[in-house]
């Protein structure tokens, strides 16, 4: 259960950033603020998923 908490938190951040991007497309929030937030949230989510499945060698 504890291993799923970061994934849940990052998914919630992604959903918030996506809603913020939609508000940016409606010109409620500036796009130059909402676009980097969405990009960073997607980047962090993908990099976390990639790091978890990395082969670390035989020990």
PDB file of N, CA and C in Angstrom:
ATOM      1  N   UNK A   1       0.819  -1.198   0.000  1.00  0.00           N
ATOM      2  CA  UNK A   1       0.000   0.000   0.000  1.00  0.00           C
ATOM      3  C   UNK A   1       0.864   1.263   0.000  1.00  0.00           C
ATOM      4  N   UNK A   2       1.958   1.236   0.741  1.00  0.00           N
ATOM      5  CA  UNK A   2       2.815   2.416   0.807  1.00  0.00           C
ATOM      6  C   UNK A   2       3.505   2.698  -0.531  1.00  0.00           C
ATOM      7  N   UNK A   3       3.702   1.658  -1.329  1.00  0.00           N
ATOM      8  CA  UNK A   3       4.352   1.865  -2.627  1.00  0.00           C
ATOM      9  C   UNK A   3       3.411   2.558  -3.613  1.00  0.00           C
ATOM     10  N   UNK A   4       2.118   2.487  -3.378  1.00  0.00           N
ATOM     11  CA  UNK A   4       1.162   3.092  -4.297  1.00  0.00           C
ATOM     12  C   UNK A   4       0.884   4.561  -3.974  1.00  0.00           C
ATOM     13  N   UNK A   5       1.270   5.030  -2.816  1.00  0.00           N
ATOM     14  CA  UNK A   5       0.977   6.414  -2.415  1.00  0.00           C
ATOM     15  C   UNK A   5       1.620   7.433  -3.354  1.00  0.00           C
ATOM     16  N   UNK A   6       2.898   7.302  -3.733  1.00  0.00           N
ATOM     17  CA  UNK A   6       3.456   8.293  -4.673  1.00  0.00           C
ATOM     18  C   UNK A   6       2.744   8.289  -6.028  1.00  0.00           C
ATOM     19  N   UNK A   7       2.325   7.124  -6.488  1.00  0.00           N
ATOM     20  CA  UNK A   7       1.616   7.061  -7.770  1.00  0.00           C
ATOM     21  C   UNK A   7       0.278   7.770  -7.663  1.00  0.00           C
ATOM     22  N   UNK A   8      -0.414   7.574  -6.555  1.00  0.00           N
ATOM     23  CA  UNK A   8      -1.705   8.233  -6.347  1.00  0.00           C
ATOM     24  C   UNK A   8      -1.524   9.742  -6.278  1.00  0.00           C
ATOM     25  N   UNK A   9      -0.511  10.191  -5.555  1.00  0.00           N
ATOM     26  CA  UNK A   9      -0.256  11.634  -5.425  1.00  0.00           C
ATOM     27  C   UNK A   9       0.096  12.236  -6.780  1.00  0.00           C
ATOM     28  N   UNK A  10       0.947  11.562  -7.548  1.00  0.00           N
ATOM     29  CA  UNK A  10       1.333  12.093  -8.861  1.00  0.00           C
ATOM     30  C   UNK A  10       0.161  12.087  -9.833  1.00  0.00           C
ATOM     31  N   UNK A  11      -0.718  11.098  -9.725  1.00  0.00           N
ATOM     32  CA  UNK A  11      -1.903  11.068 -10.581  1.00  0.00           C
ATOM     33  C   UNK A  11      -2.843  12.212 -10.246  1.00  0.00           C
ATOM     34  N   UNK A  12      -3.003  12.504  -8.964  1.00  0.00           N
ATOM     35  CA  UNK A  12      -3.847  13.632  -8.552  1.00  0.00           C
ATOM     36  C   UNK A  12      -3.250  14.950  -9.056  1.00  0.00           C
ATOM     37  N   UNK A  13      -1.934  15.090  -8.965  1.00  0.00           N
ATOM     38  CA  UNK A  13      -1.272  16.298  -9.467  1.00  0.00           C
ATOM     39  C   UNK A  13      -1.466  16.414 -10.977  1.00  0.00           C
ATOM     40  N   UNK A  14      -1.399  15.278 -11.700  1.00  0.00           N
ATOM     41  CA  UNK A  14      -1.618  15.291 -13.140  1.00  0.00           C
ATOM     42  C   UNK A  14      -3.048  15.733 -13.468  1.00  0.00           C
ATOM     43  N   UNK A  15      -4.025  15.239 -12.726  1.00  0.00           N
ATOM     44  CA  UNK A  15      -5.422  15.612 -12.979  1.00  0.00           C
ATOM     45  C   UNK A  15      -5.636  17.094 -12.713  1.00  0.00           C
ATOM     46  N   UNK A  16      -5.044  17.605 -11.639  1.00  0.00           N
ATOM     47  CA  UNK A  16      -5.159  19.034 -11.331  1.00  0.00           C
ATOM     48  C   UNK A  16      -4.506  19.866 -12.436  1.00  0.00           C
ATOM     49  N   UNK A  17      -3.338  19.432 -12.903  1.00  0.00           N
ATOM     50  CA  UNK A  17      -2.645  20.158 -13.973  1.00  0.00           C
ATOM     51  C   UNK A  17      -3.443  20.104 -15.276  1.00  0.00           C
ATOM     52  N   UNK A  18      -4.109  18.977 -15.524  1.00  0.00           N
ATOM     53  CA  UNK A  18      -4.924  18.869 -16.735  1.00  0.00           C
ATOM     54  C   UNK A  18      -6.123  19.810 -16.672  1.00  0.00           C
ATOM     55  N   UNK A  19      -6.766  19.879 -15.515  1.00  0.00           N
ATOM     56  CA  UNK A  19      -7.895  20.809 -15.352  1.00  0.00           C
ATOM     57  C   UNK A  19      -7.400  22.242 -15.497  1.00  0.00           C
ATOM     58  N   UNK A  20      -6.227  22.532 -14.954  1.00  0.00           N
ATOM     59  CA  UNK A  20      -5.656  23.864 -15.094  1.00  0.00           C
ATOM     60  C   UNK A  20      -5.363  24.180 -16.565  1.00  0.00           C
ATOM     61  N   UNK A  21      -4.928  23.168 -17.311  1.00  0.00           N
ATOM     62  CA  UNK A  21      -4.691  23.360 -18.748  1.00  0.00           C
ATOM     63  C   UNK A  21      -6.005  23.641 -19.477  1.00  0.00           C
ATOM     64  N   UNK A  22      -7.053  22.929 -19.116  1.00  0.00           N
ATOM     65  CA  UNK A  22      -8.354  23.203 -19.729  1.00  0.00           C
ATOM     66  C   UNK A  22      -8.815  24.624 -19.418  1.00  0.00           C
ATOM     67  N   UNK A  23      -8.590  25.071 -18.199  1.00  0.00           N
ATOM     68  CA  UNK A  23      -8.927  26.453 -17.855  1.00  0.00           C
ATOM     69  C   UNK A  23      -8.059  27.433 -18.631  1.00  0.00           C
ATOM     70  N   UNK A  24      -6.835  27.026 -18.914  1.00  0.00           N
ATOM     71  CA  UNK A  24      -5.960  27.860 -19.732  1.00  0.00           C
ATOM     72  C   UNK A  24      -6.457  27.976 -21.156  1.00  0.00           C
ATOM     73  N   UNK A  25      -7.018  26.893 -21.670  1.00  0.00           N
ATOM     74  CA  UNK A  25      -7.572  26.953 -23.030  1.00  0.00           C
ATOM     75  C   UNK A  25      -8.846  27.795 -23.082  1.00  0.00           C
ATOM     76  N   UNK A  26      -9.525  27.914 -21.967  1.00  0.00           N
ATOM     77  CA  UNK A  26     -10.696  28.784 -21.879  1.00  0.00           C
ATOM     78  C   UNK A  26     -10.313  30.222 -21.544  1.00  0.00           C
ATOM     79  N   UNK A  27      -9.014  30.471 -21.456  1.00  0.00           N
ATOM     80  CA  UNK A  27      -8.447  31.794 -21.159  1.00  0.00           C
ATOM     81  C   UNK A  27      -8.835  32.311 -19.774  1.00  0.00           C
ATOM     82  N   UNK A  28      -8.985  31.383 -18.829  1.00  0.00           N
ATOM     83  CA  UNK A  28      -9.194  31.758 -17.431  1.00  0.00           C
ATOM     84  C   UNK A  28      -7.834  31.893 -16.738  1.00  0.00           C
ATOM     85  N   UNK A  29      -6.925  30.987 -17.098  1.00  0.00           N
ATOM     86  CA  UNK A  29      -5.559  30.981 -16.566  1.00  0.00           C
ATOM     87  C   UNK A  29      -4.625  31.132 -17.765  1.00  0.00           C
ATOM     88  N   UNK A  30      -3.533  31.871 -17.632  1.00  0.00           N
ATOM     89  CA  UNK A  30      -2.618  31.997 -18.775  1.00  0.00           C
ATOM     90  C   UNK A  30      -1.994  30.654 -19.174  1.00  0.00           C
ATOM     91  N   UNK A  31      -1.909  30.431 -20.464  1.00  0.00           N
ATOM     92  CA  UNK A  31      -1.344  29.170 -20.957  1.00  0.00           C
ATOM     93  C   UNK A  31       0.147  29.037 -20.645  1.00  0.00           C
ATOM     94  N   UNK A  32       0.859  30.148 -20.568  1.00  0.00           N
ATOM     95  CA  UNK A  32       2.289  30.061 -20.267  1.00  0.00           C
ATOM     96  C   UNK A  32       2.543  29.658 -18.817  1.00  0.00           C
ATOM     97  N   UNK A  33       1.521  29.622 -17.998  1.00  0.00           N
ATOM     98  CA  UNK A  33       1.640  29.107 -16.630  1.00  0.00           C
ATOM     99  C   UNK A  33       1.156  27.661 -16.566  1.00  0.00           C
ATOM    100  N   UNK A  34       0.046  27.366 -17.228  1.00  0.00           N
ATOM    101  CA  UNK A  34      -0.546  26.036 -17.113  1.00  0.00           C
ATOM    102  C   UNK A  34       0.195  24.984 -17.945  1.00  0.00           C
ATOM    103  N   UNK A  35       0.758  25.357 -19.056  1.00  0.00           N
ATOM    104  CA  UNK A  35       1.449  24.381 -19.908  1.00  0.00           C
ATOM    105  C   UNK A  35       2.704  23.796 -19.254  1.00  0.00           C
ATOM    106  N   UNK A  36       3.588  24.606 -18.664  1.00  0.00           N
ATOM    107  CA  UNK A  36       4.749  23.999 -17.993  1.00  0.00           C
ATOM    108  C   UNK A  36       4.359  23.127 -16.793  1.00  0.00           C
ATOM    109  N   UNK A  37       3.303  23.491 -16.100  1.00  0.00           N
ATOM    110  CA  UNK A  37       2.857  22.679 -14.964  1.00  0.00           C
ATOM    111  C   UNK A  37       2.392  21.310 -15.450  1.00  0.00           C
ATOM    112  N   UNK A  38       1.643  21.280 -16.544  1.00  0.00           N
ATOM    113  CA  UNK A  38       1.199  20.004 -17.109  1.00  0.00           C
ATOM    114  C   UNK A  38       2.389  19.196 -17.612  1.00  0.00           C
ATOM    115  N   UNK A  39       3.330  19.839 -18.279  1.00  0.00           N
ATOM    116  CA  UNK A  39       4.510  19.134 -18.779  1.00  0.00           C
ATOM    117  C   UNK A  39       5.318  18.530 -17.635  1.00  0.00           C
ATOM    118  N   UNK A  40       5.533  19.295 -16.581  1.00  0.00           N
ATOM    119  CA  UNK A  40       6.320  18.797 -15.442  1.00  0.00           C
ATOM    120  C   UNK A  40       5.605  17.645 -14.752  1.00  0.00           C
ATOM    121  N   UNK A  41       4.294  17.733 -14.611  1.00  0.00           N
ATOM    122  CA  UNK A  41       3.568  16.646 -13.949  1.00  0.00           C
ATOM    123  C   UNK A  41       3.618  15.367 -14.786  1.00  0.00           C
ATOM    124  N   UNK A  42       3.494  15.483 -16.111  1.00  0.00           N
ATOM    125  CA  UNK A  42       3.607  14.300 -16.972  1.00  0.00           C
ATOM    126  C   UNK A  42       5.018  13.736 -16.918  1.00  0.00           C
ATOM    127  N   UNK A  43       6.007  14.609 -16.962  1.00  0.00           N
ATOM    128  CA  UNK A  43       7.403  14.167 -16.918  1.00  0.00           C
ATOM    129  C   UNK A  43       7.720  13.425 -15.619  1.00  0.00           C
ATOM    130  N   UNK A  44       7.286  13.960 -14.479  1.00  0.00           N
ATOM    131  CA  UNK A  44       7.552  13.308 -13.200  1.00  0.00           C
ATOM    132  C   UNK A  44       6.835  11.972 -13.083  1.00  0.00           C
ATOM    133  N   UNK A  45       5.614  11.905 -13.558  1.00  0.00           N
ATOM    134  CA  UNK A  45       4.859  10.656 -13.495  1.00  0.00           C
ATOM    135  C   UNK A  45       5.513   9.575 -14.350  1.00  0.00           C
ATOM    136  N   UNK A  46       5.912   9.913 -15.568  1.00  0.00           N
ATOM    137  CA  UNK A  46       6.548   8.927 -16.448  1.00  0.00           C
ATOM    138  C   UNK A  46       7.921   8.531 -15.930  1.00  0.00           C
ATOM    139  N   UNK A  47       8.687   9.476 -15.435  1.00  0.00           N
ATOM    140  CA  UNK A  47      10.025   9.133 -14.932  1.00  0.00           C
ATOM    141  C   UNK A  47       9.942   8.267 -13.677  1.00  0.00           C
ATOM    142  N   UNK A  48       8.922   8.481 -12.853  1.00  0.00           N
ATOM    143  CA  UNK A  48       8.766   7.629 -11.669  1.00  0.00           C
ATOM    144  C   UNK A  48       8.388   6.211 -12.078  1.00  0.00           C
ATOM    145  N   UNK A  49       7.465   6.075 -13.033  1.00  0.00           N
ATOM    146  CA  UNK A  49       7.097   4.740 -13.506  1.00  0.00           C
ATOM    147  C   UNK A  49       8.281   4.039 -14.148  1.00  0.00           C
ATOM    148  N   UNK A  50       9.107   4.761 -14.873  1.00  0.00           N
ATOM    149  CA  UNK A  50      10.260   4.170 -15.543  1.00  0.00           C
ATOM    150  C   UNK A  50      11.315   3.736 -14.527  1.00  0.00           C
ATOM    151  N   UNK A  51      11.510   4.513 -13.490  1.00  0.00           N
ATOM    152  CA  UNK A  51      12.535   4.185 -12.503  1.00  0.00           C
ATOM    153  C   UNK A  51      12.164   2.951 -11.695  1.00  0.00           C
ATOM    154  N   UNK A  52      10.887   2.742 -11.447  1.00  0.00           N
ATOM    155  CA  UNK A  52      10.464   1.594 -10.654  1.00  0.00           C
ATOM    156  C   UNK A  52      10.737   0.282 -11.372  1.00  0.00           C
ATOM    157  N   UNK A  53      10.644   0.249 -12.688  1.00  0.00           N
ATOM    158  CA  UNK A  53      10.771  -0.990 -13.439  1.00  0.00           C
ATOM    159  C   UNK A  53      12.182  -1.197 -14.001  1.00  0.00           C
ATOM    160  N   UNK A  54      13.125  -0.415 -13.551  1.00  0.00           N
ATOM    161  CA  UNK A  54      14.480  -0.487 -14.074  1.00  0.00           C
ATOM    162  C   UNK A  54      15.186  -1.739 -13.534  1.00  0.00           C
ATOM    163  N   UNK A  55      15.907  -2.399 -14.395  1.00  0.00           N
ATOM    164  CA  UNK A  55      16.706  -3.571 -13.997  1.00  0.00           C
ATOM    165  C   UNK A  55      17.978  -3.079 -13.349  1.00  0.00           C
ATOM    166  N   UNK A  56      18.229  -3.517 -12.131  1.00  0.00           N
ATOM    167  CA  UNK A  56      19.384  -3.033 -11.381  1.00  0.00           C
ATOM    168  C   UNK A  56      20.529  -4.048 -11.322  1.00  0.00           C
ATOM    169  N   UNK A  57      20.416  -5.117 -12.046  1.00  0.00           N
ATOM    170  CA  UNK A  57      21.485  -6.097 -12.101  1.00  0.00           C
ATOM    171  C   UNK A  57      21.289  -7.219 -11.092  1.00  0.00           C
ATOM    172  N   UNK A  58      22.140  -8.207 -11.201  1.00  0.00           N
ATOM    173  CA  UNK A  58      22.077  -9.346 -10.293  1.00  0.00           C
ATOM    174  C   UNK A  58      22.985  -9.075  -9.107  1.00  0.00           C
ATOM    175  N   UNK A  59      22.467  -9.269  -7.932  1.00  0.00           N
ATOM    176  CA  UNK A  59      23.297  -9.058  -6.728  1.00  0.00           C
ATOM    177  C   UNK A  59      23.419 -10.347  -5.952  1.00  0.00           C
TER     178      UNK A  59
END
